[in-house]
Amino acid sequence: MNTYASLSRRAALTLAAGAALALLAGPAAAQANWPTKPVRIVVPFAPGGTTDILARAVAPELSKAFGQQFIVDNRAGAGGNVGAEIVARAPNDGYTLLMGTVGTHGINRALYPKLPYDPIKDFVPITLVAAVPNVMEMNVDKARALNINNVADFVKYAKANPGKLNMASSGSGTSIHLAGELFKSMTGSYMTHIPYRGSGPALMDMVGGNADVMFDNLPSSMQQIKGGKLKALAVTSAQRSPALPDVPTVEEAGGPALKGYEASSWFGLLAPAGTPADIVNHIQQEVAKALATPAVKEKMLAQGAIPSGNSPVDFAKLIDAEHVKWAKVVKASGAKVD
């Protein structure tokens, strides 16, 4: 009887110790096994834009690497703020990620009086996926009808006819919107701003003739430019894009008034603050591997995107620098949320 009781007590103590160790090791064990279910990548804009294109380029590569589905979830609205807030409030377990942009994590804090999230405190950067120039483009028929062949022609017409041209964007406060506002402030021209819930819907109206000009991210417009539906007047980067080598920069084509004009965009993965570092690092490593493969790299370059895959630390430094840069641009351009 005593032997049995001793064994029972010993078994109970062993079970209790094992349970305690399991509780202590639980999070670490869960991280080691991550992911055990599908992972959601929130795109804070409508389908068809560059944010969506890049997320859908990366998602299948991550699905193959981790053996779980990485699902793109479009949550458009408020210049990307709706989707960004969803991720900021999500559990920090690695199962909800954000395809952030220069808008959500560089511009919006300076543009919106109140943000529903803190772009620094509420997120942990994972990696920069790609940087892209924007492209100043017009509906081909409208450009032909107005005899606008280049940036100089555009400025001349816009200044002589204030408000007669409308300017589409992927939403108030996006890099697409702000690139246009900077152009307006530097040239003294005026176009009526029409914000959409992403580049996809805006491009539909551009091609359909309901919108006149747009400073879109190059990858989402490339197909329409190559197909002759949109006329590329200039790229907004400091250098010409290898994807459109014959298209000048805004600074090149715009003369003295546009000297120093530059408004490029970027896109990167982020997670809710507190997401375990080993998950963050693992995702970064797999994204970097995917972006380095010839198939993915060549596809992105052909669309005008420059793939990155940098470290979380380097991505965080970029975000900090972009806050400073765009705060100055917002102030200088006088841009406001519609």
C-alpha atoms as a PDB file:
ATOM      1  CA  MET A   1       0.000   0.000   0.000  1.00  0.00           C
ATOM      2  CA  ASN A   2       2.798   2.423   0.908  1.00  0.00           C
ATOM      3  CA  THR A   3       4.689   1.519  -2.265  1.00  0.00           C
ATOM      4  CA  TYR A   4       1.587   2.191  -4.354  1.00  0.00           C
ATOM      5  CA  ALA A   5       0.963   5.515  -2.611  1.00  0.00           C
ATOM      6  CA  SER A   6       4.607   6.489  -3.121  1.00  0.00           C
ATOM      7  CA  LEU A   7       4.400   5.655  -6.804  1.00  0.00           C
ATOM      8  CA  SER A   8       1.121   7.573  -7.127  1.00  0.00           C
ATOM      9  CA  ARG A   9       2.627  10.633  -5.468  1.00  0.00           C
ATOM     10  CA  ARG A  10       5.717  10.355  -7.679  1.00  0.00           C
ATOM     11  CA  ALA A  11       3.522  10.042 -10.793  1.00  0.00           C
ATOM     12  CA  ALA A  12       1.436  13.007  -9.733  1.00  0.00           C
ATOM     13  CA  LEU A  13       4.536  15.116  -9.148  1.00  0.00           C
ATOM     14  CA  THR A  14       5.938  14.085 -12.529  1.00  0.00           C
ATOM     15  CA  LEU A  15       2.689  15.006 -14.269  1.00  0.00           C
ATOM     16  CA  ALA A  16       2.528  18.332 -12.445  1.00  0.00           C
ATOM     17  CA  ALA A  17       6.112  19.155 -13.362  1.00  0.00           C
ATOM     18  CA  GLY A  18       5.461  18.179 -16.953  1.00  0.00           C
ATOM     19  CA  ALA A  19       2.382  20.380 -17.087  1.00  0.00           C
ATOM     20  CA  ALA A  20       4.318  23.318 -15.671  1.00  0.00           C
ATOM     21  CA  LEU A  21       7.086  22.857 -18.225  1.00  0.00           C
ATOM     22  CA  ALA A  22       4.517  22.620 -20.992  1.00  0.00           C
ATOM     23  CA  LEU A  23       2.987  25.900 -19.878  1.00  0.00           C
ATOM     24  CA  LEU A  24       6.396  27.561 -19.806  1.00  0.00           C
ATOM     25  CA  ALA A  25       7.420  26.115 -23.161  1.00  0.00           C
ATOM     26  CA  GLY A  26       4.023  26.604 -24.797  1.00  0.00           C
ATOM     27  CA  PRO A  27       4.684  29.885 -26.634  1.00  0.00           C
ATOM     28  CA  ALA A  28       8.155  28.770 -27.718  1.00  0.00           C
ATOM     29  CA  ALA A  29       6.799  25.453 -28.930  1.00  0.00           C
ATOM     30  CA  ALA A  30       3.998  27.221 -30.784  1.00  0.00           C
ATOM     31  CA  GLN A  31       6.526  29.551 -32.434  1.00  0.00           C
ATOM     32  CA  ALA A  32       8.721  26.621 -33.445  1.00  0.00           C
ATOM     33  CA  ASN A  33       5.737  24.975 -35.126  1.00  0.00           C
ATOM     34  CA  TRP A  34       4.444  28.184 -36.747  1.00  0.00           C
ATOM     35  CA  PRO A  35       2.461  28.286 -38.925  1.00  0.00           C
ATOM     36  CA  THR A  36      -0.088  25.589 -38.118  1.00  0.00           C
ATOM     37  CA  LYS A  37      -2.934  27.324 -39.975  1.00  0.00           C
ATOM     38  CA  PRO A  38      -3.365  29.795 -42.882  1.00  0.00           C
ATOM     39  CA  VAL A  39      -1.747  33.240 -42.592  1.00  0.00           C
ATOM     40  CA  ARG A  40      -3.571  36.366 -43.706  1.00  0.00           C
ATOM     41  CA  ILE A  41      -1.834  39.199 -45.596  1.00  0.00           C
ATOM     42  CA  VAL A  42      -4.037  42.281 -45.357  1.00  0.00           C
ATOM     43  CA  VAL A  43      -3.815  44.567 -48.390  1.00  0.00           C
ATOM     44  CA  PRO A  44      -5.221  47.969 -47.399  1.00  0.00           C
ATOM     45  CA  PHE A  45      -6.371  48.786 -50.945  1.00  0.00           C
ATOM     46  CA  ALA A  46      -8.705  47.310 -53.565  1.00  0.00           C
ATOM     47  CA  PRO A  47      -7.558  44.533 -55.925  1.00  0.00           C
ATOM     48  CA  GLY A  48      -5.617  45.517 -59.038  1.00  0.00           C
ATOM     49  CA  GLY A  49      -3.207  48.059 -57.571  1.00  0.00           C
ATOM     50  CA  THR A  50       0.500  47.649 -56.928  1.00  0.00           C
ATOM     51  CA  THR A  51       0.021  46.794 -53.236  1.00  0.00           C
ATOM     52  CA  ASP A  52      -2.257  43.952 -54.282  1.00  0.00           C
ATOM     53  CA  ILE A  53       0.018  42.845 -57.141  1.00  0.00           C
ATOM     54  CA  LEU A  54       3.066  42.578 -54.874  1.00  0.00           C
ATOM     55  CA  ALA A  55       1.155  40.791 -52.115  1.00  0.00           C
ATOM     56  CA  ARG A  56      -0.104  38.237 -54.629  1.00  0.00           C
ATOM     57  CA  ALA A  57       3.423  37.774 -55.977  1.00  0.00           C
ATOM     58  CA  VAL A  58       4.817  37.023 -52.513  1.00  0.00           C
ATOM     59  CA  ALA A  59       1.916  35.012 -51.028  1.00  0.00           C
ATOM     60  CA  PRO A  60       2.304  31.817 -53.110  1.00  0.00           C
ATOM     61  CA  GLU A  61       6.057  31.796 -52.508  1.00  0.00           C
ATOM     62  CA  LEU A  62       5.474  31.932 -48.757  1.00  0.00           C
ATOM     63  CA  SER A  63       2.793  29.246 -49.023  1.00  0.00           C
ATOM     64  CA  LYS A  64       5.326  26.925 -50.657  1.00  0.00           C
ATOM     65  CA  ALA A  65       8.051  27.779 -48.134  1.00  0.00           C
ATOM     66  CA  PHE A  66       5.931  27.273 -45.005  1.00  0.00           C
ATOM     67  CA  GLY A  67       3.462  24.600 -46.123  1.00  0.00           C
ATOM     68  CA  GLN A  68       0.452  26.721 -45.165  1.00  0.00           C
ATOM     69  CA  GLN A  69      -1.693  29.048 -47.244  1.00  0.00           C
ATOM     70  CA  PHE A  70      -0.848  32.752 -47.182  1.00  0.00           C
ATOM     71  CA  ILE A  71      -4.131  34.412 -48.123  1.00  0.00           C
ATOM     72  CA  VAL A  72      -4.454  37.968 -49.478  1.00  0.00           C
ATOM     73  CA  ASP A  73      -7.297  39.883 -47.827  1.00  0.00           C
ATOM     74  CA  ASN A  74      -8.196  43.242 -49.414  1.00  0.00           C
ATOM     75  CA  ARG A  75      -9.481  45.757 -46.846  1.00  0.00           C
ATOM     76  CA  ALA A  76      -9.638  49.115 -48.615  1.00  0.00           C
ATOM     77  CA  GLY A  77     -10.544  52.520 -47.250  1.00  0.00           C
ATOM     78  CA  ALA A  78      -9.260  55.824 -45.854  1.00  0.00           C
ATOM     79  CA  GLY A  79      -5.985  55.865 -47.760  1.00  0.00           C
ATOM     80  CA  GLY A  80      -4.968  52.480 -46.373  1.00  0.00           C
ATOM     81  CA  ASN A  81      -5.863  53.289 -42.775  1.00  0.00           C
ATOM     82  CA  VAL A  82      -8.724  50.777 -42.553  1.00  0.00           C
ATOM     83  CA  GLY A  83      -6.529  47.792 -43.377  1.00  0.00           C
ATOM     84  CA  ALA A  84      -3.604  49.055 -41.328  1.00  0.00           C
ATOM     85  CA  GLU A  85      -5.800  49.414 -38.243  1.00  0.00           C
ATOM     86  CA  ILE A  86      -7.104  45.854 -38.675  1.00  0.00           C
ATOM     87  CA  VAL A  87      -3.550  44.510 -38.483  1.00  0.00           C
ATOM     88  CA  ALA A  88      -2.532  46.861 -35.666  1.00  0.00           C
ATOM     89  CA  ARG A  89      -5.384  45.446 -33.545  1.00  0.00           C
ATOM     90  CA  ALA A  90      -4.840  41.803 -34.547  1.00  0.00           C
ATOM     91  CA  PRO A  91      -3.221  39.205 -32.243  1.00  0.00           C
ATOM     92  CA  ASN A  92       0.585  39.272 -32.433  1.00  0.00           C
ATOM     93  CA  ASP A  93       0.850  35.559 -33.195  1.00  0.00           C
ATOM     94  CA  GLY A  94       2.152  35.839 -36.760  1.00  0.00           C
ATOM     95  CA  TYR A  95      -1.123  34.918 -38.444  1.00  0.00           C
ATOM     96  CA  THR A  96      -2.046  38.447 -39.573  1.00  0.00           C
ATOM     97  CA  LEU A  97       0.391  40.509 -41.656  1.00  0.00           C
ATOM     98  CA  LEU A  98       0.120  43.821 -43.484  1.00  0.00           C
ATOM     99  CA  MET A  99       1.399  44.766 -46.912  1.00  0.00           C
ATOM    100  CA  GLY A 100       2.213  48.296 -45.803  1.00  0.00           C
ATOM    101  CA  THR A 101       3.041  51.200 -48.080  1.00  0.00           C
ATOM    102  CA  VAL A 102       4.729  54.569 -48.078  1.00  0.00           C
ATOM    103  CA  GLY A 103       1.205  55.873 -47.450  1.00  0.00           C
ATOM    104  CA  THR A 104       0.294  53.802 -44.392  1.00  0.00           C
ATOM    105  CA  HIS A 105       3.776  54.009 -42.869  1.00  0.00           C
ATOM    106  CA  GLY A 106       5.348  57.170 -44.276  1.00  0.00           C
ATOM    107  CA  ILE A 107       2.755  59.746 -45.296  1.00  0.00           C
ATOM    108  CA  ASN A 108      -0.438  59.292 -43.321  1.00  0.00           C
ATOM    109  CA  ARG A 109       0.867  60.358 -39.926  1.00  0.00           C
ATOM    110  CA  ALA A 110       1.696  63.777 -41.384  1.00  0.00           C
ATOM    111  CA  LEU A 111      -1.493  64.023 -43.446  1.00  0.00           C
ATOM    112  CA  TYR A 112      -4.236  62.822 -41.100  1.00  0.00           C
ATOM    113  CA  PRO A 113      -4.982  64.800 -37.907  1.00  0.00           C
ATOM    114  CA  LYS A 114      -5.820  61.529 -36.139  1.00  0.00           C
ATOM    115  CA  LEU A 115      -4.738  58.036 -37.156  1.00  0.00           C
ATOM    116  CA  PRO A 116      -6.494  54.955 -35.722  1.00  0.00           C
ATOM    117  CA  TYR A 117      -3.060  53.326 -35.323  1.00  0.00           C
ATOM    118  CA  ASP A 118       0.532  54.323 -34.607  1.00  0.00           C
ATOM    119  CA  PRO A 119       2.686  53.355 -37.608  1.00  0.00           C
ATOM    120  CA  ILE A 120       5.758  52.961 -35.380  1.00  0.00           C
ATOM    121  CA  LYS A 121       4.505  51.620 -32.038  1.00  0.00           C
ATOM    122  CA  ASP A 122       1.780  49.306 -33.335  1.00  0.00           C
ATOM    123  CA  PHE A 123       3.890  47.373 -35.855  1.00  0.00           C
ATOM    124  CA  VAL A 124       7.112  45.432 -36.224  1.00  0.00           C
ATOM    125  CA  PRO A 125       8.721  45.758 -39.684  1.00  0.00           C
ATOM    126  CA  ILE A 126       9.513  42.464 -41.435  1.00  0.00           C
ATOM    127  CA  THR A 127      10.992  43.392 -44.814  1.00  0.00           C
ATOM    128  CA  LEU A 128      10.773  45.841 -47.682  1.00  0.00           C
ATOM    129  CA  VAL A 129       9.307  43.896 -50.605  1.00  0.00           C
ATOM    130  CA  ALA A 130       9.866  46.425 -53.380  1.00  0.00           C
ATOM    131  CA  ALA A 131      10.369  50.075 -54.272  1.00  0.00           C
ATOM    132  CA  VAL A 132       8.691  51.549 -57.351  1.00  0.00           C
ATOM    133  CA  PRO A 133       8.486  54.857 -59.183  1.00  0.00           C
ATOM    134  CA  ASN A 134       5.114  56.393 -59.867  1.00  0.00           C
ATOM    135  CA  VAL A 135       4.209  57.284 -63.436  1.00  0.00           C
ATOM    136  CA  MET A 136       2.440  60.443 -64.563  1.00  0.00           C
ATOM    137  CA  GLU A 137      -0.048  59.226 -67.139  1.00  0.00           C
ATOM    138  CA  MET A 138      -3.072  60.389 -69.085  1.00  0.00           C
ATOM    139  CA  ASN A 139      -5.969  58.832 -70.878  1.00  0.00           C
ATOM    140  CA  VAL A 140      -4.644  58.498 -74.446  1.00  0.00           C
ATOM    141  CA  ASP A 141      -7.722  59.969 -76.146  1.00  0.00           C
ATOM    142  CA  LYS A 142      -7.828  62.922 -73.760  1.00  0.00           C
ATOM    143  CA  ALA A 143      -4.135  63.656 -74.299  1.00  0.00           C
ATOM    144  CA  ARG A 144      -4.596  63.516 -78.053  1.00  0.00           C
ATOM    145  CA  ALA A 145      -7.702  65.739 -77.986  1.00  0.00           C
ATOM    146  CA  LEU A 146      -5.905  68.371 -75.911  1.00  0.00           C
ATOM    147  CA  ASN A 147      -2.665  68.044 -77.880  1.00  0.00           C
ATOM    148  CA  ILE A 148      -0.742  67.111 -74.726  1.00  0.00           C
ATOM    149  CA  ASN A 149       2.386  65.196 -75.715  1.00  0.00           C
ATOM    150  CA  ASN A 150       4.662  65.796 -72.737  1.00  0.00           C
ATOM    151  CA  VAL A 151       4.885  67.307 -69.246  1.00  0.00           C
ATOM    152  CA  ALA A 152       5.492  70.825 -70.581  1.00  0.00           C
ATOM    153  CA  ASP A 153       2.291  70.631 -72.653  1.00  0.00           C
ATOM    154  CA  PHE A 154       0.406  69.346 -69.631  1.00  0.00           C
ATOM    155  CA  VAL A 155       1.576  72.156 -67.354  1.00  0.00           C
ATOM    156  CA  LYS A 156       0.724  74.777 -69.981  1.00  0.00           C
ATOM    157  CA  TYR A 157      -2.821  73.443 -70.385  1.00  0.00           C
ATOM    158  CA  ALA A 158      -3.447  72.882 -66.661  1.00  0.00           C
ATOM    159  CA  LYS A 159      -2.334  76.402 -65.745  1.00  0.00           C
ATOM    160  CA  ALA A 160      -4.453  77.953 -68.488  1.00  0.00           C
ATOM    161  CA  ASN A 161      -7.492  75.822 -67.581  1.00  0.00           C
ATOM    162  CA  PRO A 162      -7.570  75.391 -63.796  1.00  0.00           C
ATOM    163  CA  GLY A 163      -9.959  72.667 -62.654  1.00  0.00           C
ATOM    164  CA  LYS A 164     -10.769  71.375 -66.147  1.00  0.00           C
ATOM    165  CA  LEU A 165      -8.591  68.302 -65.630  1.00  0.00           C
ATOM    166  CA  ASN A 166      -9.359  65.787 -62.908  1.00  0.00           C
ATOM    167  CA  MET A 167      -6.678  63.801 -61.118  1.00  0.00           C
ATOM    168  CA  ALA A 168      -7.431  60.237 -60.032  1.00  0.00           C
ATOM    169  CA  SER A 169      -5.677  58.584 -57.084  1.00  0.00           C
ATOM    170  CA  SER A 170      -5.835  55.345 -55.116  1.00  0.00           C
ATOM    171  CA  GLY A 171      -7.129  57.298 -52.109  1.00  0.00           C
ATOM    172  CA  SER A 172      -6.529  60.451 -50.120  1.00  0.00           C
ATOM    173  CA  GLY A 173      -3.076  60.516 -48.581  1.00  0.00           C
ATOM    174  CA  THR A 174      -1.572  57.783 -50.739  1.00  0.00           C
ATOM    175  CA  SER A 175       1.724  58.299 -52.540  1.00  0.00           C
ATOM    176  CA  ILE A 176      -0.282  58.549 -55.765  1.00  0.00           C
ATOM    177  CA  HIS A 177      -2.335  61.422 -54.380  1.00  0.00           C
ATOM    178  CA  LEU A 178       0.634  63.179 -52.817  1.00  0.00           C
ATOM    179  CA  ALA A 179       2.773  62.872 -55.960  1.00  0.00           C
ATOM    180  CA  GLY A 180       0.060  64.820 -57.764  1.00  0.00           C
ATOM    181  CA  GLU A 181      -0.266  67.388 -54.990  1.00  0.00           C
ATOM    182  CA  LEU A 182       3.485  67.982 -55.062  1.00  0.00           C
ATOM    183  CA  PHE A 183       3.315  68.434 -58.836  1.00  0.00           C
ATOM    184  CA  LYS A 184       0.483  70.937 -58.455  1.00  0.00           C
ATOM    185  CA  SER A 185       2.288  72.965 -55.800  1.00  0.00           C
ATOM    186  CA  MET A 186       5.544  73.125 -57.756  1.00  0.00           C
ATOM    187  CA  THR A 187       3.902  74.122 -61.058  1.00  0.00           C
ATOM    188  CA  GLY A 188       1.147  76.368 -59.724  1.00  0.00           C
ATOM    189  CA  SER A 189      -1.443  74.284 -61.560  1.00  0.00           C
ATOM    190  CA  TYR A 190      -4.756  72.918 -60.337  1.00  0.00           C
ATOM    191  CA  MET A 191      -6.546  69.648 -61.041  1.00  0.00           C
ATOM    192  CA  THR A 192      -9.621  68.363 -59.239  1.00  0.00           C
ATOM    193  CA  HIS A 193      -8.652  65.397 -57.057  1.00  0.00           C
ATOM    194  CA  ILE A 194     -10.844  62.279 -57.287  1.00  0.00           C
ATOM    195  CA  PRO A 195      -9.873  59.638 -54.673  1.00  0.00           C
ATOM    196  CA  TYR A 196     -10.740  55.969 -55.281  1.00  0.00           C
ATOM    197  CA  ARG A 197     -10.479  52.900 -53.042  1.00  0.00           C
ATOM    198  CA  GLY A 198      -7.320  51.698 -54.777  1.00  0.00           C
ATOM    199  CA  SER A 199      -5.495  51.935 -58.098  1.00  0.00           C
ATOM    200  CA  GLY A 200      -7.620  49.234 -59.706  1.00  0.00           C
ATOM    201  CA  PRO A 201     -10.900  51.213 -59.703  1.00  0.00           C
ATOM    202  CA  ALA A 202      -9.045  54.437 -60.584  1.00  0.00           C
ATOM    203  CA  LEU A 203      -7.378  52.797 -63.581  1.00  0.00           C
ATOM    204  CA  MET A 204     -10.730  51.557 -64.853  1.00  0.00           C
ATOM    205  CA  ASP A 205     -11.960  55.154 -64.971  1.00  0.00           C
ATOM    206  CA  MET A 206      -8.682  56.325 -66.506  1.00  0.00           C
ATOM    207  CA  VAL A 207      -8.988  53.812 -69.353  1.00  0.00           C
ATOM    208  CA  GLY A 208     -12.708  54.527 -69.684  1.00  0.00           C
ATOM    209  CA  GLY A 209     -12.105  58.251 -70.073  1.00  0.00           C
ATOM    210  CA  ASN A 210     -13.762  59.313 -66.825  1.00  0.00           C
ATOM    211  CA  ALA A 211     -10.448  60.411 -65.292  1.00  0.00           C
ATOM    212  CA  ASP A 212      -7.785  62.487 -67.016  1.00  0.00           C
ATOM    213  CA  VAL A 213      -4.463  62.137 -65.214  1.00  0.00           C
ATOM    214  CA  MET A 214      -2.965  59.908 -62.530  1.00  0.00           C
ATOM    215  CA  PHE A 215       0.398  59.539 -60.797  1.00  0.00           C
ATOM    216  CA  ASP A 216       0.043  55.784 -60.387  1.00  0.00           C
ATOM    217  CA  ASN A 217       2.515  53.230 -59.073  1.00  0.00           C
ATOM    218  CA  LEU A 218       4.187  51.902 -62.208  1.00  0.00           C
ATOM    219  CA  PRO A 219       3.508  48.142 -61.808  1.00  0.00           C
ATOM    220  CA  SER A 220      -0.279  48.533 -61.721  1.00  0.00           C
ATOM    221  CA  SER A 221      -0.276  50.757 -64.820  1.00  0.00           C
ATOM    222  CA  MET A 222       2.346  48.923 -66.875  1.00  0.00           C
ATOM    223  CA  GLN A 223      -0.092  46.691 -68.754  1.00  0.00           C
ATOM    224  CA  GLN A 224      -2.303  49.621 -69.775  1.00  0.00           C
ATOM    225  CA  ILE A 225       0.723  51.682 -70.849  1.00  0.00           C
ATOM    226  CA  LYS A 226       2.155  48.818 -72.904  1.00  0.00           C
ATOM    227  CA  GLY A 227      -1.288  48.192 -74.379  1.00  0.00           C
ATOM    228  CA  GLY A 228      -1.622  51.788 -75.549  1.00  0.00           C
ATOM    229  CA  LYS A 229      -4.554  52.616 -73.274  1.00  0.00           C
ATOM    230  CA  LEU A 230      -2.608  55.124 -71.151  1.00  0.00           C
ATOM    231  CA  LYS A 231       0.041  57.635 -72.183  1.00  0.00           C
ATOM    232  CA  ALA A 232       3.070  57.780 -69.873  1.00  0.00           C
ATOM    233  CA  LEU A 233       4.297  61.381 -69.678  1.00  0.00           C
ATOM    234  CA  ALA A 234       7.013  60.880 -67.044  1.00  0.00           C
ATOM    235  CA  VAL A 235       8.145  58.800 -64.091  1.00  0.00           C
ATOM    236  CA  THR A 236       8.325  60.418 -60.674  1.00  0.00           C
ATOM    237  CA  SER A 237      11.636  58.905 -59.550  1.00  0.00           C
ATOM    238  CA  ALA A 238      15.002  60.664 -59.585  1.00  0.00           C
ATOM    239  CA  GLN A 239      16.211  58.357 -62.379  1.00  0.00           C
ATOM    240  CA  ARG A 240      14.443  56.813 -65.357  1.00  0.00           C
ATOM    241  CA  SER A 241      12.881  53.392 -64.879  1.00  0.00           C
ATOM    242  CA  PRO A 242      14.579  50.446 -66.641  1.00  0.00           C
ATOM    243  CA  ALA A 243      11.068  49.176 -67.372  1.00  0.00           C
ATOM    244  CA  LEU A 244      10.267  52.362 -69.373  1.00  0.00           C
ATOM    245  CA  PRO A 245      13.694  53.626 -70.463  1.00  0.00           C
ATOM    246  CA  ASP A 246      12.294  56.025 -73.072  1.00  0.00           C
ATOM    247  CA  VAL A 247      10.034  57.826 -70.590  1.00  0.00           C
ATOM    248  CA  PRO A 248      11.736  60.832 -68.924  1.00  0.00           C
ATOM    249  CA  THR A 249      11.564  61.763 -65.263  1.00  0.00           C
ATOM    250  CA  VAL A 250       9.252  64.583 -64.202  1.00  0.00           C
ATOM    251  CA  GLU A 251      12.325  66.674 -63.395  1.00  0.00           C
ATOM    252  CA  GLU A 252      13.826  66.049 -66.854  1.00  0.00           C
ATOM    253  CA  ALA A 253      10.627  66.872 -68.701  1.00  0.00           C
ATOM    254  CA  GLY A 254       9.258  69.639 -66.526  1.00  0.00           C
ATOM    255  CA  GLY A 255      11.887  72.350 -66.711  1.00  0.00           C
ATOM    256  CA  PRO A 256      13.056  74.648 -63.881  1.00  0.00           C
ATOM    257  CA  ALA A 257       9.724  74.613 -62.016  1.00  0.00           C
ATOM    258  CA  LEU A 258      10.027  70.872 -61.370  1.00  0.00           C
ATOM    259  CA  LYS A 259      13.715  70.744 -60.490  1.00  0.00           C
ATOM    260  CA  GLY A 260      14.168  68.338 -57.572  1.00  0.00           C
ATOM    261  CA  TYR A 261      10.764  66.682 -58.016  1.00  0.00           C
ATOM    262  CA  GLU A 262      10.816  63.098 -56.713  1.00  0.00           C
ATOM    263  CA  ALA A 263       8.000  60.987 -55.274  1.00  0.00           C
ATOM    264  CA  SER A 264       8.668  57.252 -55.351  1.00  0.00           C
ATOM    265  CA  SER A 265       6.762  54.551 -53.489  1.00  0.00           C
ATOM    266  CA  TRP A 266       7.587  51.428 -51.519  1.00  0.00           C
ATOM    267  CA  PHE A 267       5.778  48.364 -50.183  1.00  0.00           C
ATOM    268  CA  GLY A 268       6.712  46.028 -47.341  1.00  0.00           C
ATOM    269  CA  LEU A 269       5.456  43.409 -44.915  1.00  0.00           C
ATOM    270  CA  LEU A 270       4.760  44.292 -41.290  1.00  0.00           C
ATOM    271  CA  ALA A 271       3.229  42.452 -38.329  1.00  0.00           C
ATOM    272  CA  PRO A 272       1.482  43.592 -35.150  1.00  0.00           C
ATOM    273  CA  ALA A 273       3.853  44.843 -32.442  1.00  0.00           C
ATOM    274  CA  GLY A 274       5.027  42.034 -30.180  1.00  0.00           C
ATOM    275  CA  THR A 275       5.061  39.366 -32.887  1.00  0.00           C
ATOM    276  CA  PRO A 276       7.857  36.920 -31.909  1.00  0.00           C
ATOM    277  CA  ALA A 277      11.225  37.778 -33.424  1.00  0.00           C
ATOM    278  CA  ASP A 278      11.832  34.256 -34.708  1.00  0.00           C
ATOM    279  CA  ILE A 279       8.623  34.391 -36.767  1.00  0.00           C
ATOM    280  CA  VAL A 280       9.497  37.847 -38.104  1.00  0.00           C
ATOM    281  CA  ASN A 281      13.011  36.739 -39.052  1.00  0.00           C
ATOM    282  CA  HIS A 282      11.803  33.517 -40.664  1.00  0.00           C
ATOM    283  CA  ILE A 283       9.306  35.392 -42.859  1.00  0.00           C
ATOM    284  CA  GLN A 284      11.982  37.919 -43.858  1.00  0.00           C
ATOM    285  CA  GLN A 285      14.390  35.154 -44.835  1.00  0.00           C
ATOM    286  CA  GLU A 286      11.817  33.379 -47.003  1.00  0.00           C
ATOM    287  CA  VAL A 287      10.710  36.615 -48.691  1.00  0.00           C
ATOM    288  CA  ALA A 288      14.343  37.464 -49.457  1.00  0.00           C
ATOM    289  CA  LYS A 289      14.851  33.987 -50.967  1.00  0.00           C
ATOM    290  CA  ALA A 290      11.731  34.332 -53.105  1.00  0.00           C
ATOM    291  CA  LEU A 291      12.645  37.802 -54.365  1.00  0.00           C
ATOM    292  CA  ALA A 292      16.106  36.542 -55.354  1.00  0.00           C
ATOM    293  CA  THR A 293      14.763  33.771 -57.591  1.00  0.00           C
ATOM    294  CA  PRO A 294      15.052  34.645 -61.310  1.00  0.00           C
ATOM    295  CA  ALA A 295      11.347  34.104 -62.003  1.00  0.00           C
ATOM    296  CA  VAL A 296      10.078  36.462 -59.291  1.00  0.00           C
ATOM    297  CA  LYS A 297      12.861  39.013 -59.715  1.00  0.00           C
ATOM    298  CA  GLU A 298      12.474  39.282 -63.491  1.00  0.00           C
ATOM    299  CA  LYS A 299       8.688  39.548 -63.233  1.00  0.00           C
ATOM    300  CA  MET A 300       8.941  42.426 -60.758  1.00  0.00           C
ATOM    301  CA  LEU A 301      11.597  44.269 -62.728  1.00  0.00           C
ATOM    302  CA  ALA A 302       9.519  43.963 -65.901  1.00  0.00           C
ATOM    303  CA  GLN A 303       6.635  45.636 -64.072  1.00  0.00           C
ATOM    304  CA  GLY A 304       8.834  48.483 -62.863  1.00  0.00           C
ATOM    305  CA  ALA A 305       9.304  47.260 -59.276  1.00  0.00           C
ATOM    306  CA  ILE A 306      12.748  46.908 -57.695  1.00  0.00           C
ATOM    307  CA  PRO A 307      12.712  43.903 -55.304  1.00  0.00           C
ATOM    308  CA  SER A 308      14.401  44.187 -51.914  1.00  0.00           C
ATOM    309  CA  GLY A 309      13.963  41.667 -49.061  1.00  0.00           C
ATOM    310  CA  ASN A 310      16.073  43.674 -46.600  1.00  0.00           C
ATOM    311  CA  SER A 311      16.353  42.997 -42.859  1.00  0.00           C
ATOM    312  CA  PRO A 312      13.764  44.106 -40.275  1.00  0.00           C
ATOM    313  CA  VAL A 313      16.315  46.564 -38.862  1.00  0.00           C
ATOM    314  CA  ASP A 314      16.991  48.155 -42.252  1.00  0.00           C
ATOM    315  CA  PHE A 315      13.278  48.328 -43.041  1.00  0.00           C
ATOM    316  CA  ALA A 316      12.656  50.056 -39.709  1.00  0.00           C
ATOM    317  CA  LYS A 317      15.328  52.638 -40.546  1.00  0.00           C
ATOM    318  CA  LEU A 318      13.656  53.300 -43.902  1.00  0.00           C
ATOM    319  CA  ILE A 319      10.280  53.848 -42.236  1.00  0.00           C
ATOM    320  CA  ASP A 320      11.788  56.321 -39.744  1.00  0.00           C
ATOM    321  CA  ALA A 321      13.453  58.272 -42.554  1.00  0.00           C
ATOM    322  CA  GLU A 322      10.266  58.288 -44.645  1.00  0.00           C
ATOM    323  CA  HIS A 323       8.273  59.868 -41.805  1.00  0.00           C
ATOM    324  CA  VAL A 324      10.687  62.793 -41.768  1.00  0.00           C
ATOM    325  CA  LYS A 325      10.780  63.127 -45.568  1.00  0.00           C
ATOM    326  CA  TRP A 326       7.046  63.009 -46.188  1.00  0.00           C
ATOM    327  CA  ALA A 327       6.164  65.330 -43.330  1.00  0.00           C
ATOM    328  CA  LYS A 328       8.182  67.981 -45.186  1.00  0.00           C
ATOM    329  CA  VAL A 329       6.519  67.114 -48.506  1.00  0.00           C
ATOM    330  CA  VAL A 330       3.021  67.307 -46.995  1.00  0.00           C
ATOM    331  CA  LYS A 331       3.785  70.701 -45.484  1.00  0.00           C
ATOM    332  CA  ALA A 332       5.361  72.071 -48.664  1.00  0.00           C
ATOM    333  CA  SER A 333       2.582  70.809 -50.942  1.00  0.00           C
ATOM    334  CA  GLY A 334      -0.261  71.945 -48.711  1.00  0.00           C
ATOM    335  CA  ALA A 335      -1.950  68.586 -49.258  1.00  0.00           C
ATOM    336  CA  LYS A 336      -5.037  67.901 -47.164  1.00  0.00           C
ATOM    337  CA  VAL A 337      -7.301  64.910 -46.666  1.00  0.00           C
ATOM    338  CA  ASP A 338     -10.455  65.358 -48.723  1.00  0.00           C
END
